[in-house]
Protein backbone atom coordinates (compact mmCIF):
# COMPACT_ATOMS: atom_id res chain seq x y z
CA MET A 1 77.75 135.07 97.45
CA ARG A 2 78.40 132.02 99.61
CA VAL A 3 81.83 131.76 101.27
CA LEU A 4 83.38 128.86 103.18
CA GLY A 5 85.97 129.65 105.85
CA VAL A 6 88.28 126.92 107.14
CA ASP A 7 90.61 127.09 110.15
CA PRO A 8 92.73 123.94 109.61
CA GLY A 9 94.07 121.87 112.47
CA LEU A 10 95.41 118.41 113.23
CA VAL A 11 92.90 117.81 116.03
CA HIS A 12 90.26 120.56 115.55
CA CYS A 13 89.30 121.98 112.16
CA GLY A 14 86.80 124.84 112.28
CA TRP A 15 84.57 125.67 109.34
CA ALA A 16 81.88 128.25 108.63
CA VAL A 17 79.63 129.13 105.71
CA LEU A 18 78.45 132.70 105.11
CA GLU A 19 75.79 133.70 102.65
CA ASP A 20 75.63 137.38 101.76
CA GLY A 21 77.73 138.12 104.84
CA LYS A 22 75.49 136.23 107.29
CA THR A 23 76.57 133.03 109.02
CA ILE A 24 74.37 130.12 107.95
CA ALA A 25 76.41 127.19 109.33
CA VAL A 26 79.42 126.57 111.57
CA GLY A 27 81.12 123.51 112.91
CA THR A 28 84.29 121.90 114.16
CA LEU A 29 85.58 118.67 112.70
CA VAL A 30 87.32 116.47 115.26
CA PRO A 31 88.83 113.18 114.09
CA PRO A 32 87.86 110.13 116.16
CA ALA A 33 90.01 109.53 119.23
CA VAL A 34 93.23 107.73 118.44
CA GLU A 35 96.49 107.35 120.34
CA LYS A 36 98.27 109.91 118.19
CA HIS A 37 96.85 112.12 115.47
CA THR A 38 98.99 111.64 112.39
CA ILE A 39 98.61 113.42 109.08
CA ASN A 40 97.18 110.25 107.56
CA THR A 41 94.49 109.75 110.21
CA THR A 42 93.62 113.43 110.20
CA LEU A 43 93.32 113.70 106.41
CA ALA A 44 91.43 110.41 106.12
CA TYR A 45 88.77 111.97 108.33
CA LEU A 46 88.86 115.68 107.32
CA ILE A 47 88.84 115.52 103.53
CA PRO A 48 85.65 113.42 103.14
CA GLU A 49 83.90 115.49 105.83
CA LEU A 50 84.84 118.80 104.19
CA ASP A 51 83.79 117.39 100.82
CA LYS A 52 80.34 116.69 102.32
CA ILE A 53 80.15 120.28 103.59
CA VAL A 54 81.13 121.64 100.16
CA GLY A 55 78.53 119.36 98.54
CA GLN A 56 75.85 120.54 100.95
CA TYR A 57 76.45 124.32 100.79
CA PHE A 58 78.06 124.86 97.34
CA PRO A 59 80.32 127.84 98.24
CA THR A 60 81.50 130.13 95.45
CA ALA A 61 84.67 131.14 97.31
CA ALA A 62 86.68 129.83 100.24
CA ALA A 63 89.22 131.13 102.73
CA VAL A 64 91.75 128.85 104.41
CA GLU A 65 94.10 130.03 107.12
CA GLN A 66 97.63 129.76 105.79
CA VAL A 67 100.17 128.05 108.01
CA ALA A 68 103.20 130.14 108.89
CA TRP A 69 106.10 129.58 111.22
CA TYR A 70 106.64 132.39 113.69
CA GLY A 71 109.61 130.87 115.52
CA THR A 72 107.70 128.70 117.97
CA ARG A 73 106.21 125.21 117.84
CA LYS A 74 108.26 124.37 114.77
CA ARG A 75 107.41 120.68 115.09
CA ILE A 76 103.72 121.25 114.35
CA THR A 77 104.19 123.61 111.38
CA LEU A 78 104.97 121.06 108.67
CA PRO A 79 102.16 118.58 109.47
CA LEU A 80 99.69 121.44 109.79
CA SER A 81 100.80 122.87 106.45
CA HIS A 82 100.11 119.46 104.86
CA VAL A 83 96.56 119.53 106.26
CA ALA A 84 96.00 123.08 104.98
CA GLY A 85 97.41 122.12 101.57
CA ALA A 86 95.12 119.09 101.30
CA ILE A 87 92.12 121.27 102.14
CA VAL A 88 93.12 123.81 99.47
CA GLY A 89 93.58 120.94 96.99
CA LEU A 90 90.07 119.66 97.70
CA LEU A 91 88.56 123.12 97.25
CA LEU A 92 90.43 123.74 94.00
CA ALA A 93 89.45 120.30 92.70
CA ARG A 94 85.83 121.29 93.32
CA GLY A 95 86.40 124.49 91.27
CA ILE A 96 86.13 126.90 94.21
CA THR A 97 88.15 130.12 94.14
CA THR A 98 90.30 129.81 97.26
CA TYR A 99 92.18 132.38 99.30
CA LEU A 100 95.05 131.61 101.69
CA LEU A 101 95.07 134.16 104.51
CA LEU A 102 97.67 134.61 107.21
CA ALA A 103 96.46 134.85 110.79
CA ASN A 104 97.16 138.60 110.88
CA MET A 105 94.82 139.12 107.91
CA LYS A 106 91.76 138.09 109.96
CA THR A 107 90.67 141.68 110.52
CA ALA A 108 86.92 141.55 109.89
CA LYS A 109 84.63 142.66 112.67
CA VAL A 110 82.49 139.72 113.71
CA ARG A 111 80.44 139.55 116.87
CA ARG A 112 81.37 136.35 118.66
CA ARG A 113 78.55 134.02 119.63
CA LYS A 114 78.75 132.06 122.85
CA ALA A 115 78.08 128.78 121.07
CA TRP A 116 81.14 129.14 118.82
CA ASP A 117 84.49 127.70 119.81
CA GLU A 118 87.69 129.49 118.78
CA HIS A 119 88.08 127.39 115.60
CA GLN A 120 84.55 128.20 114.44
CA TYR A 121 85.03 131.90 115.21
CA ASP A 122 88.29 131.98 113.23
CA ALA A 123 86.56 130.29 110.28
CA VAL A 124 83.74 132.87 110.38
CA VAL A 125 86.25 135.74 110.42
CA LEU A 126 88.19 134.26 107.48
CA ALA A 127 85.00 133.91 105.44
CA LYS A 128 83.88 137.44 106.37
CA VAL A 129 87.16 138.97 105.16
CA ILE A 130 86.74 137.28 101.77
CA HIS A 131 83.06 138.20 101.55
CA ASP A 132 83.78 141.86 102.29
CA TYR A 133 86.74 141.89 99.89
CA ASN A 134 84.70 140.43 97.01
CA VAL A 135 81.75 142.76 97.62
CA ALA A 136 84.09 145.76 97.58
CA GLU A 137 85.88 144.50 94.48
CA ASP A 138 82.60 143.97 92.62
CA ALA A 139 81.44 147.47 93.62
CA GLY A 140 84.77 149.05 92.62
CA ASP A 141 85.39 150.37 96.14
CA ASN A 142 89.09 151.15 95.77
CA SER A 143 89.44 152.61 99.28
CA TYR A 144 88.47 149.25 100.81
CA LEU A 145 90.59 147.29 98.35
CA GLN A 146 93.73 149.33 99.13
CA LYS A 147 93.40 148.44 102.80
CA ARG A 148 93.01 144.78 101.82
CA SER A 149 95.48 144.75 98.91
CA ALA A 150 97.26 141.61 100.15
CA VAL A 151 94.01 139.61 100.07
CA GLY A 152 93.71 139.69 96.28
CA GLN A 153 97.27 138.45 95.93
CA ARG A 154 96.37 135.33 97.91
CA ARG A 155 93.67 134.14 95.51
CA ILE A 156 94.16 130.77 93.84
CA ILE A 157 92.04 129.87 90.82
CA ALA A 158 91.62 126.29 89.65
CA ARG A 159 90.56 126.88 86.06
CA PRO A 160 92.62 128.66 83.36
CA ASN A 161 90.83 130.32 80.44
CA ALA A 162 90.80 128.90 76.92
CA HIS A 163 94.35 130.11 76.23
CA GLY A 164 95.80 128.54 79.37
CA LYS A 165 96.24 131.92 81.06
CA ARG A 166 94.35 133.38 83.96
CA SER A 167 92.29 136.47 83.30
CA LYS A 168 93.38 139.82 84.78
CA ARG A 169 90.81 139.50 87.60
CA ASP A 170 92.05 136.01 88.51
CA ARG A 171 95.78 136.69 88.70
CA ALA A 172 97.23 135.88 92.09
CA GLY A 173 99.75 138.74 91.93
């Protein structure tokens, strides 16, 4: 299983690809220097770059950190949510099962490497949570799934079945 993790940002967007639970690629996308980073300039840079990454690594699942407002920095929340939404849209358009995870759901144990910045590390942790969740689900490990019950409810599937309904496994809860 190959999983893409994305930590969206207006100035720094971390990404990581895991294959069978091992990190095979990490990076941070930083739009070219401009006076002010707007949603338009950020998306004009990020979406084609992420599309190249998807085309290079062909992930089967993806995890994107969901934007939430916790009572501070309200001004940044809406633009950042637009960036996260555009990333999810790209992934769904490419047919990739995508999970939106809140920051407090990044609970996987990952040893941090010195070369990784915080955005890359967050992307690795997001991808690891989804990898571990899917491995446990495929193995029928209910004890692991109960601890991670909210993860399955955050799955978004791009393709309905022949009857226009999602299968039981693909329901987002």
